[in-house]
Amino acid sequence: MPVIITKNKEEKNLGPLDVLPQTKNKNGYDYKLVKRNDKVAMYAMQNPEIAEDNGYEVFKIVVSKPSTLLQKSGVKKGMWYQYPAMEKFPGNEDFGNIAWAFNTIESAEKKFKELSK
C-alpha cells in the first residue's frame, strides 16, 4: 500500500487503485488468489503446517475511499498520511455478510458464481 507522507494536508495523486494481493498471510494461514472478477474474489487458504489446501474463502470485493490522516503523536507528529483507494481483504467480522468460508472447491465455486451475477 503506497502511502504519501507530507507536512501539509494538500492532496497528492496517489496513483491507481491498490488491488487485492495474489498471496497473503493472515491468522496463521497462507492465502492464494484462485480467481476474481470486478465483484468477487476466491482464495485458497492453507495452514503452512499441512500440505493440502484447508479450504476456500469467497468474498465480495469492497473498495475503501482514499483518506488523509494527521499523525497526532510520536516522531512524525504533525505529518499527514495519505492512503489511496484500495480493495480490502475481509476482516473476521465480515464473515456471513460479505465473506464466506468453504471446505470444498465445488462449494466455493457455487458461491462465487452466485455473487458474480
PDB file of N, CA and C in Angstrom:
ATOM      1  N   MET A   1       0.848  -1.163   0.000  1.00  0.00           N
ATOM      2  CA  MET A   1       0.000   0.000   0.000  1.00  0.00           C
ATOM      3  C   MET A   1       0.897   1.231   0.000  1.00  0.00           C
ATOM      4  N   PRO A   2       0.867   1.992  -1.102  1.00  0.00           N
ATOM      5  CA  PRO A   2       1.670   3.215  -1.129  1.00  0.00           C
ATOM      6  C   PRO A   2       1.052   4.292  -0.254  1.00  0.00           C
ATOM      7  N   VAL A   3       1.854   4.844   0.610  1.00  0.00           N
ATOM      8  CA  VAL A   3       1.398   5.919   1.497  1.00  0.00           C
ATOM      9  C   VAL A   3       2.280   7.123   1.231  1.00  0.00           C
ATOM     10  N   ILE A   4       1.660   8.287   1.119  1.00  0.00           N
ATOM     11  CA  ILE A   4       2.418   9.518   0.938  1.00  0.00           C
ATOM     12  C   ILE A   4       2.352  10.298   2.245  1.00  0.00           C
ATOM     13  N   ILE A   5       3.512  10.706   2.745  1.00  0.00           N
ATOM     14  CA  ILE A   5       3.587  11.472   3.985  1.00  0.00           C
ATOM     15  C   ILE A   5       4.027  12.886   3.625  1.00  0.00           C
ATOM     16  N   THR A   6       3.240  13.882   4.061  1.00  0.00           N
ATOM     17  CA  THR A   6       3.558  15.278   3.748  1.00  0.00           C
ATOM     18  C   THR A   6       3.476  16.131   5.007  1.00  0.00           C
ATOM     19  N   LYS A   7       4.009  17.349   4.915  1.00  0.00           N
ATOM     20  CA  LYS A   7       3.960  18.275   6.044  1.00  0.00           C
ATOM     21  C   LYS A   7       2.670  19.073   6.079  1.00  0.00           C
ATOM     22  N   ASN A   8       1.898  19.047   4.978  1.00  0.00           N
ATOM     23  CA  ASN A   8       0.616  19.743   4.972  1.00  0.00           C
ATOM     24  C   ASN A   8      -0.450  18.827   4.370  1.00  0.00           C
ATOM     25  N   LYS A   9      -1.688  19.252   4.440  1.00  0.00           N
ATOM     26  CA  LYS A   9      -2.801  18.391   4.057  1.00  0.00           C
ATOM     27  C   LYS A   9      -3.084  18.391   2.554  1.00  0.00           C
ATOM     28  N   GLU A  10      -2.295  19.073   1.775  1.00  0.00           N
ATOM     29  CA  GLU A  10      -2.584  19.143   0.342  1.00  0.00           C
ATOM     30  C   GLU A  10      -2.678  17.732  -0.256  1.00  0.00           C
ATOM     31  N   GLU A  11      -3.674  17.562  -1.109  1.00  0.00           N
ATOM     32  CA  GLU A  11      -3.909  16.253  -1.721  1.00  0.00           C
ATOM     33  C   GLU A  11      -2.859  15.975  -2.792  1.00  0.00           C
ATOM     34  N   LYS A  12      -2.364  14.770  -2.796  1.00  0.00           N
ATOM     35  CA  LYS A  12      -1.410  14.308  -3.808  1.00  0.00           C
ATOM     36  C   LYS A  12      -2.114  13.271  -4.672  1.00  0.00           C
ATOM     37  N   ASN A  13      -1.605  13.057  -5.887  1.00  0.00           N
ATOM     38  CA  ASN A  13      -2.124  11.990  -6.723  1.00  0.00           C
ATOM     39  C   ASN A  13      -1.528  10.677  -6.211  1.00  0.00           C
ATOM     40  N   LEU A  14      -2.374   9.817  -5.674  1.00  0.00           N
ATOM     41  CA  LEU A  14      -1.894   8.579  -5.069  1.00  0.00           C
ATOM     42  C   LEU A  14      -1.799   7.430  -6.068  1.00  0.00           C
ATOM     43  N   GLY A  15      -2.102   7.708  -7.320  1.00  0.00           N
ATOM     44  CA  GLY A  15      -1.959   6.686  -8.346  1.00  0.00           C
ATOM     45  C   GLY A  15      -3.181   5.799  -8.471  1.00  0.00           C
ATOM     46  N   PRO A  16      -3.014   4.661  -9.157  1.00  0.00           N
ATOM     47  CA  PRO A  16      -4.146   3.778  -9.421  1.00  0.00           C
ATOM     48  C   PRO A  16      -4.624   3.054  -8.164  1.00  0.00           C
ATOM     49  N   LEU A  17      -5.793   2.453  -8.274  1.00  0.00           N
ATOM     50  CA  LEU A  17      -6.388   1.672  -7.195  1.00  0.00           C
ATOM     51  C   LEU A  17      -5.433   0.571  -6.756  1.00  0.00           C
ATOM     52  N   ASP A  18      -5.248   0.427  -5.460  1.00  0.00           N
ATOM     53  CA  ASP A  18      -4.425  -0.636  -4.877  1.00  0.00           C
ATOM     54  C   ASP A  18      -5.293  -1.903  -4.817  1.00  0.00           C
ATOM     55  N   VAL A  19      -4.969  -2.923  -5.616  1.00  0.00           N
ATOM     56  CA  VAL A  19      -5.815  -4.116  -5.731  1.00  0.00           C
ATOM     57  C   VAL A  19      -5.409  -5.206  -4.745  1.00  0.00           C
ATOM     58  N   LEU A  20      -6.298  -6.191  -4.580  1.00  0.00           N
ATOM     59  CA  LEU A  20      -6.030  -7.326  -3.686  1.00  0.00           C
ATOM     60  C   LEU A  20      -4.754  -8.042  -4.108  1.00  0.00           C
ATOM     61  N   PRO A  21      -3.992  -8.565  -3.140  1.00  0.00           N
ATOM     62  CA  PRO A  21      -2.739  -9.247  -3.466  1.00  0.00           C
ATOM     63  C   PRO A  21      -2.972 -10.654  -4.024  1.00  0.00           C
ATOM     64  N   GLN A  22      -1.997 -11.164  -4.743  1.00  0.00           N
ATOM     65  CA  GLN A  22      -2.045 -12.545  -5.233  1.00  0.00           C
ATOM     66  C   GLN A  22      -1.909 -13.535  -4.077  1.00  0.00           C
ATOM     67  N   THR A  23      -1.102 -13.168  -3.086  1.00  0.00           N
ATOM     68  CA  THR A  23      -0.907 -14.007  -1.900  1.00  0.00           C
ATOM     69  C   THR A  23      -0.962 -13.129  -0.665  1.00  0.00           C
ATOM     70  N   LYS A  24      -1.310 -13.749   0.456  1.00  0.00           N
ATOM     71  CA  LYS A  24      -1.421 -13.006   1.715  1.00  0.00           C
ATOM     72  C   LYS A  24      -1.295 -13.998   2.864  1.00  0.00           C
ATOM     73  N   ASN A  25      -0.756 -13.549   3.991  1.00  0.00           N
ATOM     74  CA  ASN A  25      -0.722 -14.352   5.208  1.00  0.00           C
ATOM     75  C   ASN A  25      -1.607 -13.659   6.229  1.00  0.00           C
ATOM     76  N   LYS A  26      -2.559 -14.411   6.800  1.00  0.00           N
ATOM     77  CA  LYS A  26      -3.485 -13.830   7.768  1.00  0.00           C
ATOM     78  C   LYS A  26      -3.950 -14.917   8.722  1.00  0.00           C
ATOM     79  N   ASN A  27      -3.996 -14.609   9.999  1.00  0.00           N
ATOM     80  CA  ASN A  27      -4.478 -15.536  11.031  1.00  0.00           C
ATOM     81  C   ASN A  27      -3.788 -16.899  10.972  1.00  0.00           C
ATOM     82  N   GLY A  28      -2.515 -16.921  10.600  1.00  0.00           N
ATOM     83  CA  GLY A  28      -1.755 -18.163  10.558  1.00  0.00           C
ATOM     84  C   GLY A  28      -1.955 -18.986   9.296  1.00  0.00           C
ATOM     85  N   TYR A  29      -2.693 -18.464   8.328  1.00  0.00           N
ATOM     86  CA  TYR A  29      -2.929 -19.166   7.067  1.00  0.00           C
ATOM     87  C   TYR A  29      -2.274 -18.420   5.916  1.00  0.00           C
ATOM     88  N   ASP A  30      -1.871 -19.181   4.902  1.00  0.00           N
ATOM     89  CA  ASP A  30      -1.397 -18.598   3.658  1.00  0.00           C
ATOM     90  C   ASP A  30      -2.565 -18.603   2.687  1.00  0.00           C
ATOM     91  N   TYR A  31      -2.813 -17.471   2.051  1.00  0.00           N
ATOM     92  CA  TYR A  31      -3.911 -17.329   1.094  1.00  0.00           C
ATOM     93  C   TYR A  31      -3.324 -17.141  -0.294  1.00  0.00           C
ATOM     94  N   LYS A  32      -3.929 -17.819  -1.282  1.00  0.00           N
ATOM     95  CA  LYS A  32      -3.508 -17.685  -2.669  1.00  0.00           C
ATOM     96  C   LYS A  32      -4.749 -17.427  -3.512  1.00  0.00           C
ATOM     97  N   LEU A  33      -4.700 -16.348  -4.314  1.00  0.00           N
ATOM     98  CA  LEU A  33      -5.825 -15.995  -5.159  1.00  0.00           C
ATOM     99  C   LEU A  33      -6.070 -17.095  -6.184  1.00  0.00           C
ATOM    100  N   VAL A  34      -7.300 -17.602  -6.218  1.00  0.00           N
ATOM    101  CA  VAL A  34      -7.692 -18.632  -7.175  1.00  0.00           C
ATOM    102  C   VAL A  34      -8.287 -17.957  -8.405  1.00  0.00           C
ATOM    103  N   LYS A  35      -9.236 -17.041  -8.173  1.00  0.00           N
ATOM    104  CA  LYS A  35      -9.856 -16.292  -9.260  1.00  0.00           C
ATOM    105  C   LYS A  35     -10.568 -15.079  -8.710  1.00  0.00           C
ATOM    106  N   ARG A  36     -10.868 -14.148  -9.615  1.00  0.00           N
ATOM    107  CA  ARG A  36     -11.573 -12.941  -9.221  1.00  0.00           C
ATOM    108  C   ARG A  36     -12.206 -12.319 -10.450  1.00  0.00           C
ATOM    109  N   ASN A  37     -13.149 -11.430 -10.197  1.00  0.00           N
ATOM    110  CA  ASN A  37     -13.700 -10.578 -11.235  1.00  0.00           C
ATOM    111  C   ASN A  37     -13.865  -9.196 -10.609  1.00  0.00           C
ATOM    112  N   ASP A  38     -14.681  -8.340 -11.189  1.00  0.00           N
ATOM    113  CA  ASP A  38     -14.837  -6.993 -10.629  1.00  0.00           C
ATOM    114  C   ASP A  38     -15.585  -6.968  -9.303  1.00  0.00           C
ATOM    115  N   LYS A  39     -16.378  -8.023  -9.016  1.00  0.00           N
ATOM    116  CA  LYS A  39     -17.225  -8.047  -7.824  1.00  0.00           C
ATOM    117  C   LYS A  39     -16.752  -8.992  -6.728  1.00  0.00           C
ATOM    118  N   VAL A  40     -16.124 -10.108  -7.097  1.00  0.00           N
ATOM    119  CA  VAL A  40     -15.895 -11.221  -6.173  1.00  0.00           C
ATOM    120  C   VAL A  40     -14.473 -11.761  -6.311  1.00  0.00           C
ATOM    121  N   ALA A  41     -13.920 -12.244  -5.186  1.00  0.00           N
ATOM    122  CA  ALA A  41     -12.616 -12.912  -5.188  1.00  0.00           C
ATOM    123  C   ALA A  41     -12.721 -14.250  -4.463  1.00  0.00           C
ATOM    124  N   MET A  42     -11.925 -15.222  -4.916  1.00  0.00           N
ATOM    125  CA  MET A  42     -11.840 -16.528  -4.249  1.00  0.00           C
ATOM    126  C   MET A  42     -10.369 -16.827  -3.967  1.00  0.00           C
ATOM    127  N   TYR A  43     -10.104 -17.171  -2.698  1.00  0.00           N
ATOM    128  CA  TYR A  43      -8.755 -17.534  -2.274  1.00  0.00           C
ATOM    129  C   TYR A  43      -8.751 -18.953  -1.715  1.00  0.00           C
ATOM    130  N   ALA A  44      -7.676 -19.707  -2.017  1.00  0.00           N
ATOM    131  CA  ALA A  44      -7.424 -20.980  -1.347  1.00  0.00           C
ATOM    132  C   ALA A  44      -6.656 -20.628  -0.084  1.00  0.00           C
ATOM    133  N   MET A  45      -7.037 -21.244   1.034  1.00  0.00           N
ATOM    134  CA  MET A  45      -6.335 -20.984   2.286  1.00  0.00           C
ATOM    135  C   MET A  45      -5.648 -22.265   2.752  1.00  0.00           C
ATOM    136  N   GLN A  46      -4.431 -22.127   3.243  1.00  0.00           N
ATOM    137  CA  GLN A  46      -3.649 -23.291   3.646  1.00  0.00           C
ATOM    138  C   GLN A  46      -2.909 -22.996   4.940  1.00  0.00           C
ATOM    139  N   ASN A  47      -2.993 -23.942   5.856  1.00  0.00           N
ATOM    140  CA  ASN A  47      -2.169 -23.889   7.051  1.00  0.00           C
ATOM    141  C   ASN A  47      -0.776 -24.349   6.627  1.00  0.00           C
ATOM    142  N   PRO A  48       0.271 -23.547   6.834  1.00  0.00           N
ATOM    143  CA  PRO A  48       1.613 -23.916   6.377  1.00  0.00           C
ATOM    144  C   PRO A  48       2.109 -25.250   6.929  1.00  0.00           C
ATOM    145  N   GLU A  49       1.512 -25.734   8.014  1.00  0.00           N
ATOM    146  CA  GLU A  49       1.945 -26.998   8.604  1.00  0.00           C
ATOM    147  C   GLU A  49       1.256 -28.209   7.980  1.00  0.00           C
ATOM    148  N   ILE A  50       0.280 -27.980   7.067  1.00  0.00           N
ATOM    149  CA  ILE A  50      -0.454 -29.064   6.417  1.00  0.00           C
ATOM    150  C   ILE A  50      -0.256 -28.929   4.910  1.00  0.00           C
ATOM    151  N   ALA A  51       0.035 -30.027   4.231  1.00  0.00           N
ATOM    152  CA  ALA A  51       0.405 -29.995   2.815  1.00  0.00           C
ATOM    153  C   ALA A  51      -0.729 -29.582   1.880  1.00  0.00           C
ATOM    154  N   GLU A  52      -1.929 -30.086   2.087  1.00  0.00           N
ATOM    155  CA  GLU A  52      -3.021 -29.806   1.150  1.00  0.00           C
ATOM    156  C   GLU A  52      -3.800 -28.550   1.554  1.00  0.00           C
ATOM    157  N   ASP A  53      -4.598 -28.060   0.598  1.00  0.00           N
ATOM    158  CA  ASP A  53      -5.433 -26.892   0.895  1.00  0.00           C
ATOM    159  C   ASP A  53      -6.381 -27.206   2.037  1.00  0.00           C
ATOM    160  N   ASN A  54      -6.611 -26.234   2.909  1.00  0.00           N
ATOM    161  CA  ASN A  54      -7.509 -26.406   4.038  1.00  0.00           C
ATOM    162  C   ASN A  54      -8.909 -25.891   3.748  1.00  0.00           C
ATOM    163  N   GLY A  55      -9.061 -25.127   2.695  1.00  0.00           N
ATOM    164  CA  GLY A  55     -10.369 -24.588   2.394  1.00  0.00           C
ATOM    165  C   GLY A  55     -10.274 -23.405   1.460  1.00  0.00           C
ATOM    166  N   TYR A  56     -11.397 -22.720   1.334  1.00  0.00           N
ATOM    167  CA  TYR A  56     -11.504 -21.598   0.403  1.00  0.00           C
ATOM    168  C   TYR A  56     -12.311 -20.483   1.045  1.00  0.00           C
ATOM    169  N   GLU A  57     -11.982 -19.272   0.676  1.00  0.00           N
ATOM    170  CA  GLU A  57     -12.778 -18.118   1.092  1.00  0.00           C
ATOM    171  C   GLU A  57     -13.226 -17.381  -0.156  1.00  0.00           C
ATOM    172  N   VAL A  58     -14.502 -17.005  -0.152  1.00  0.00           N
ATOM    173  CA  VAL A  58     -15.095 -16.248  -1.240  1.00  0.00           C
ATOM    174  C   VAL A  58     -15.668 -14.982  -0.618  1.00  0.00           C
ATOM    175  N   PHE A  59     -15.396 -13.840  -1.244  1.00  0.00           N
ATOM    176  CA  PHE A  59     -15.917 -12.602  -0.678  1.00  0.00           C
ATOM    177  C   PHE A  59     -16.175 -11.550  -1.745  1.00  0.00           C
ATOM    178  N   LYS A  60     -17.114 -10.661  -1.411  1.00  0.00           N
ATOM    179  CA  LYS A  60     -17.387  -9.505  -2.257  1.00  0.00           C
ATOM    180  C   LYS A  60     -16.221  -8.539  -2.112  1.00  0.00           C
ATOM    181  N   ILE A  61     -15.790  -7.985  -3.222  1.00  0.00           N
ATOM    182  CA  ILE A  61     -14.682  -7.027  -3.186  1.00  0.00           C
ATOM    183  C   ILE A  61     -15.227  -5.659  -2.779  1.00  0.00           C
ATOM    184  N   VAL A  62     -14.663  -5.114  -1.715  1.00  0.00           N
ATOM    185  CA  VAL A  62     -15.043  -3.807  -1.197  1.00  0.00           C
ATOM    186  C   VAL A  62     -13.866  -2.859  -1.410  1.00  0.00           C
ATOM    187  N   VAL A  63     -14.168  -1.663  -1.904  1.00  0.00           N
ATOM    188  CA  VAL A  63     -13.118  -0.668  -2.144  1.00  0.00           C
ATOM    189  C   VAL A  63     -13.249   0.449  -1.112  1.00  0.00           C
ATOM    190  N   SER A  64     -12.164   0.691  -0.379  1.00  0.00           N
ATOM    191  CA  SER A  64     -12.164   1.806   0.579  1.00  0.00           C
ATOM    192  C   SER A  64     -11.891   3.100  -0.165  1.00  0.00           C
ATOM    193  N   LYS A  65     -12.358   4.199   0.388  1.00  0.00           N
ATOM    194  CA  LYS A  65     -12.120   5.517  -0.200  1.00  0.00           C
ATOM    195  C   LYS A  65     -10.725   5.995   0.194  1.00  0.00           C
ATOM    196  N   PRO A  66     -10.132   6.879  -0.608  1.00  0.00           N
ATOM    197  CA  PRO A  66      -8.855   7.458  -0.191  1.00  0.00           C
ATOM    198  C   PRO A  66      -9.041   8.251   1.097  1.00  0.00           C
ATOM    199  N   SER A  67      -8.016   8.304   1.912  1.00  0.00           N
ATOM    200  CA  SER A  67      -8.137   9.042   3.167  1.00  0.00           C
ATOM    201  C   SER A  67      -6.838   9.764   3.500  1.00  0.00           C
ATOM    202  N   THR A  68      -6.978  10.818   4.290  1.00  0.00           N
ATOM    203  CA  THR A  68      -5.833  11.592   4.755  1.00  0.00           C
ATOM    204  C   THR A  68      -5.945  11.723   6.269  1.00  0.00           C
ATOM    205  N   LEU A  69      -4.915  11.292   6.980  1.00  0.00           N
ATOM    206  CA  LEU A  69      -4.928  11.299   8.440  1.00  0.00           C
ATOM    207  C   LEU A  69      -3.738  12.060   8.998  1.00  0.00           C
ATOM    208  N   LEU A  70      -3.956  12.795  10.075  1.00  0.00           N
ATOM    209  CA  LEU A  70      -2.905  13.554  10.747  1.00  0.00           C
ATOM    210  C   LEU A  70      -2.303  12.714  11.873  1.00  0.00           C
ATOM    211  N   GLN A  71      -0.970  12.599  11.891  1.00  0.00           N
ATOM    212  CA  GLN A  71      -0.265  11.906  12.973  1.00  0.00           C
ATOM    213  C   GLN A  71      -0.260  12.839  14.172  1.00  0.00           C
ATOM    214  N   LYS A  72      -0.848  12.398  15.294  1.00  0.00           N
ATOM    215  CA  LYS A  72      -1.025  13.293  16.440  1.00  0.00           C
ATOM    216  C   LYS A  72       0.027  13.144  17.531  1.00  0.00           C
ATOM    217  N   SER A  73       0.907  12.146  17.418  1.00  0.00           N
ATOM    218  CA  SER A  73       1.943  11.982  18.431  1.00  0.00           C
ATOM    219  C   SER A  73       3.154  11.283  17.816  1.00  0.00           C
ATOM    220  N   GLY A  74       4.207  11.199  18.593  1.00  0.00           N
ATOM    221  CA  GLY A  74       5.404  10.486  18.153  1.00  0.00           C
ATOM    222  C   GLY A  74       6.322  11.331  17.291  1.00  0.00           C
ATOM    223  N   VAL A  75       7.307  10.686  16.714  1.00  0.00           N
ATOM    224  CA  VAL A  75       8.340  11.348  15.928  1.00  0.00           C
ATOM    225  C   VAL A  75       7.760  12.084  14.718  1.00  0.00           C
ATOM    226  N   LYS A  76       6.742  11.519  14.117  1.00  0.00           N
ATOM    227  CA  LYS A  76       6.151  12.126  12.912  1.00  0.00           C
ATOM    228  C   LYS A  76       4.918  12.968  13.234  1.00  0.00           C
ATOM    229  N   LYS A  77       4.808  13.440  14.457  1.00  0.00           N
ATOM    230  CA  LYS A  77       3.674  14.284  14.864  1.00  0.00           C
ATOM    231  C   LYS A  77       3.556  15.476  13.919  1.00  0.00           C
ATOM    232  N   GLY A  78       2.324  15.741  13.480  1.00  0.00           N
ATOM    233  CA  GLY A  78       2.077  16.858  12.584  1.00  0.00           C
ATOM    234  C   GLY A  78       2.193  16.510  11.110  1.00  0.00           C
ATOM    235  N   MET A  79       2.597  15.283  10.792  1.00  0.00           N
ATOM    236  CA  MET A  79       2.710  14.857   9.396  1.00  0.00           C
ATOM    237  C   MET A  79       1.363  14.282   8.944  1.00  0.00           C
ATOM    238  N   TRP A  80       1.073  14.450   7.663  1.00  0.00           N
ATOM    239  CA  TRP A  80      -0.167  13.945   7.076  1.00  0.00           C
ATOM    240  C   TRP A  80       0.126  12.668   6.295  1.00  0.00           C
ATOM    241  N   TYR A  81      -0.674  11.625   6.556  1.00  0.00           N
ATOM    242  CA  TYR A  81      -0.557  10.343   5.861  1.00  0.00           C
ATOM    243  C   TYR A  81      -1.716  10.240   4.873  1.00  0.00           C
ATOM    244  N   GLN A  82      -1.401  10.048   3.607  1.00  0.00           N
ATOM    245  CA  GLN A  82      -2.430   9.937   2.581  1.00  0.00           C
ATOM    246  C   GLN A  82      -2.450   8.503   2.053  1.00  0.00           C
ATOM    247  N   TYR A  83      -3.605   7.861   2.171  1.00  0.00           N
ATOM    248  CA  TYR A  83      -3.781   6.478   1.746  1.00  0.00           C
ATOM    249  C   TYR A  83      -4.653   6.437   0.490  1.00  0.00           C
ATOM    250  N   PRO A  84      -4.274   5.644  -0.513  1.00  0.00           N
ATOM    251  CA  PRO A  84      -5.065   5.573  -1.741  1.00  0.00           C
ATOM    252  C   PRO A  84      -6.333   4.740  -1.548  1.00  0.00           C
ATOM    253  N   ALA A  85      -7.237   4.829  -2.519  1.00  0.00           N
ATOM    254  CA  ALA A  85      -8.375   3.905  -2.545  1.00  0.00           C
ATOM    255  C   ALA A  85      -7.797   2.507  -2.730  1.00  0.00           C
ATOM    256  N   MET A  86      -8.382   1.526  -2.053  1.00  0.00           N
ATOM    257  CA  MET A  86      -7.845   0.174  -2.172  1.00  0.00           C
ATOM    258  C   MET A  86      -8.929  -0.875  -1.988  1.00  0.00           C
ATOM    259  N   GLU A  87      -8.714  -2.026  -2.615  1.00  0.00           N
ATOM    260  CA  GLU A  87      -9.577  -3.174  -2.393  1.00  0.00           C
ATOM    261  C   GLU A  87      -9.176  -3.768  -1.050  1.00  0.00           C
ATOM    262  N   LYS A  88     -10.182  -4.094  -0.231  1.00  0.00           N
ATOM    263  CA  LYS A  88      -9.914  -4.579   1.124  1.00  0.00           C
ATOM    264  C   LYS A  88     -10.128  -6.085   1.241  1.00  0.00           C
ATOM    265  N   PHE A  89      -9.187  -6.754   1.885  1.00  0.00           N
ATOM    266  CA  PHE A  89      -9.340  -8.164   2.253  1.00  0.00           C
ATOM    267  C   PHE A  89     -10.311  -8.184   3.431  1.00  0.00           C
ATOM    268  N   PRO A  90     -11.252  -9.122   3.485  1.00  0.00           N
ATOM    269  CA  PRO A  90     -12.249  -9.081   4.560  1.00  0.00           C
ATOM    270  C   PRO A  90     -11.656  -9.346   5.938  1.00  0.00           C
ATOM    271  N   GLY A  91     -12.249  -8.726   6.935  1.00  0.00           N
ATOM    272  CA  GLY A  91     -11.875  -8.981   8.323  1.00  0.00           C
ATOM    273  C   GLY A  91     -12.730 -10.104   8.883  1.00  0.00           C
ATOM    274  N   ASN A  92     -12.379 -10.592  10.043  1.00  0.00           N
ATOM    275  CA  ASN A  92     -13.131 -11.687  10.666  1.00  0.00           C
ATOM    276  C   ASN A  92     -14.608 -11.333  10.849  1.00  0.00           C
ATOM    277  N   GLU A  93     -14.889 -10.063  11.112  1.00  0.00           N
ATOM    278  CA  GLU A  93     -16.266  -9.620  11.350  1.00  0.00           C
ATOM    279  C   GLU A  93     -17.113  -9.593  10.079  1.00  0.00           C
ATOM    280  N   ASP A  94     -16.482  -9.740   8.910  1.00  0.00           N
ATOM    281  CA  ASP A  94     -17.206  -9.698   7.639  1.00  0.00           C
ATOM    282  C   ASP A  94     -17.842 -11.035   7.239  1.00  0.00           C
ATOM    283  N   PHE A  95     -17.467 -12.107   7.939  1.00  0.00           N
ATOM    284  CA  PHE A  95     -17.971 -13.429   7.545  1.00  0.00           C
ATOM    285  C   PHE A  95     -19.456 -13.568   7.854  1.00  0.00           C
ATOM    286  N   GLY A  96     -20.158 -14.059   6.837  1.00  0.00           N
ATOM    287  CA  GLY A  96     -21.605 -14.182   6.919  1.00  0.00           C
ATOM    288  C   GLY A  96     -22.307 -13.000   6.287  1.00  0.00           C
ATOM    289  N   ASN A  97     -21.585 -11.896   6.077  1.00  0.00           N
ATOM    290  CA  ASN A  97     -22.143 -10.696   5.451  1.00  0.00           C
ATOM    291  C   ASN A  97     -21.630 -10.516   4.028  1.00  0.00           C
ATOM    292  N   ILE A  98     -20.300 -10.406   3.893  1.00  0.00           N
ATOM    293  CA  ILE A  98     -19.712 -10.247   2.560  1.00  0.00           C
ATOM    294  C   ILE A  98     -18.644 -11.299   2.284  1.00  0.00           C
ATOM    295  N   ALA A  99     -18.396 -12.194   3.230  1.00  0.00           N
ATOM    296  CA  ALA A  99     -17.362 -13.219   3.079  1.00  0.00           C
ATOM    297  C   ALA A  99     -17.861 -14.557   3.617  1.00  0.00           C
ATOM    298  N   TRP A 100     -17.420 -15.650   2.956  1.00  0.00           N
ATOM    299  CA  TRP A 100     -17.842 -16.993   3.344  1.00  0.00           C
ATOM    300  C   TRP A 100     -16.662 -17.948   3.205  1.00  0.00           C
ATOM    301  N   ALA A 101     -16.610 -18.967   4.060  1.00  0.00           N
ATOM    302  CA  ALA A 101     -15.545 -19.974   4.036  1.00  0.00           C
ATOM    303  C   ALA A 101     -16.152 -21.322   3.650  1.00  0.00           C
ATOM    304  N   PHE A 102     -15.388 -22.102   2.872  1.00  0.00           N
ATOM    305  CA  PHE A 102     -15.867 -23.393   2.374  1.00  0.00           C
ATOM    306  C   PHE A 102     -14.776 -24.451   2.492  1.00  0.00           C
ATOM    307  N   ASN A 103     -15.210 -25.708   2.650  1.00  0.00           N
ATOM    308  CA  ASN A 103     -14.268 -26.827   2.731  1.00  0.00           C
ATOM    309  C   ASN A 103     -13.894 -27.374   1.367  1.00  0.00           C
ATOM    310  N   THR A 104     -14.761 -27.179   0.357  1.00  0.00           N
ATOM    311  CA  THR A 104     -14.501 -27.746  -0.962  1.00  0.00           C
ATOM    312  C   THR A 104     -14.494 -26.668  -2.030  1.00  0.00           C
ATOM    313  N   ILE A 105     -13.760 -26.944  -3.101  1.00  0.00           N
ATOM    314  CA  ILE A 105     -13.709 -26.015  -4.223  1.00  0.00           C
ATOM    315  C   ILE A 105     -15.078 -25.914  -4.894  1.00  0.00           C
ATOM    316  N   GLU A 106     -15.831 -27.013  -4.902  1.00  0.00           N
ATOM    317  CA  GLU A 106     -17.152 -27.007  -5.524  1.00  0.00           C
ATOM    318  C   GLU A 106     -18.099 -26.040  -4.811  1.00  0.00           C
ATOM    319  N   SER A 107     -18.101 -26.065  -3.497  1.00  0.00           N
ATOM    320  CA  SER A 107     -18.945 -25.146  -2.718  1.00  0.00           C
ATOM    321  C   SER A 107     -18.509 -23.698  -2.930  1.00  0.00           C
ATOM    322  N   ALA A 108     -17.205 -23.476  -2.964  1.00  0.00           N
ATOM    323  CA  ALA A 108     -16.673 -22.126  -3.168  1.00  0.00           C
ATOM    324  C   ALA A 108     -17.038 -21.617  -4.564  1.00  0.00           C
ATOM    325  N   GLU A 109     -16.930 -22.479  -5.569  1.00  0.00           N
ATOM    326  CA  GLU A 109     -17.290 -22.102  -6.949  1.00  0.00           C
ATOM    327  C   GLU A 109     -18.760 -21.712  -7.043  1.00  0.00           C
ATOM    328  N   LYS A 110     -19.608 -22.464  -6.365  1.00  0.00           N
ATOM    329  CA  LYS A 110     -21.048 -22.184  -6.391  1.00  0.00           C
ATOM    330  C   LYS A 110     -21.328 -20.786  -5.824  1.00  0.00           C
ATOM    331  N   LYS A 111     -20.715 -20.443  -4.691  1.00  0.00           N
ATOM    332  CA  LYS A 111     -20.904 -19.121  -4.078  1.00  0.00           C
ATOM    333  C   LYS A 111     -20.321 -18.030  -4.970  1.00  0.00           C
ATOM    334  N   PHE A 112     -19.150 -18.311  -5.571  1.00  0.00           N
ATOM    335  CA  PHE A 112     -18.515 -17.343  -6.459  1.00  0.00           C
ATOM    336  C   PHE A 112     -19.464 -17.000  -7.609  1.00  0.00           C
ATOM    337  N   LYS A 113     -20.052 -18.012  -8.226  1.00  0.00           N
ATOM    338  CA  LYS A 113     -20.991 -17.786  -9.345  1.00  0.00           C
ATOM    339  C   LYS A 113     -22.220 -17.023  -8.888  1.00  0.00           C
ATOM    340  N   GLU A 114     -22.741 -17.365  -7.702  1.00  0.00           N
ATOM    341  CA  GLU A 114     -23.921 -16.688  -7.158  1.00  0.00           C
ATOM    342  C   GLU A 114     -23.647 -15.196  -6.949  1.00  0.00           C
ATOM    343  N   LEU A 115     -22.495 -14.867  -6.386  1.00  0.00           N
ATOM    344  CA  LEU A 115     -22.158 -13.469  -6.091  1.00  0.00           C
ATOM    345  C   LEU A 115     -21.755 -12.686  -7.332  1.00  0.00           C
ATOM    346  N   SER A 116     -21.375 -13.378  -8.388  1.00  0.00           N
ATOM    347  CA  SER A 116     -20.917 -12.720  -9.618  1.00  0.00           C
ATOM    348  C   SER A 116     -22.062 -12.224 -10.491  1.00  0.00           C
ATOM    349  N   LYS A 117     -23.279 -12.624 -10.186  1.00  0.00           N
ATOM    350  CA  LYS A 117     -24.438 -12.240 -11.014  1.00  0.00           C
ATOM    351  C   LYS A 117     -24.745 -10.772 -10.901  1.00  0.00           C
TER     352      LYS A 117
END
